Amino acid sequence: MYESGASEEEAREHIWKLIDAEWKKMNKDQMTESLFSRKFFERAINHARVALMIYRKDDGFGIEGNEFKDKVLSLFVHPIILPK
């Protein structure tokens, strides 16, 4: 951002375009035959989802308050168990 002289908004827009392109690649790769197992793809997608959740609004680490803490607690400590 600083090197190119782009504004913060332009930088964020560029990053979201990159993220969107990678999601499309991951979804496409998940549907084709691969050397990787289905479990590998599930874990990779889950890691990407967590990263997206962390960085969705801001930088993910400078968040003040309990918003991020509440999300983590709801996912891992107090999850909703769905019937099978």
Foldseek 3Di string as FASTA:
>chain_A
DVVVPDDPVVVVVVVVVVLVVVVVVLVVVLPDDDPDDNVVSVVVVVVSVVVCVQPVPHNNPPDDDCPVVVVVCCVPVVDDDDDD
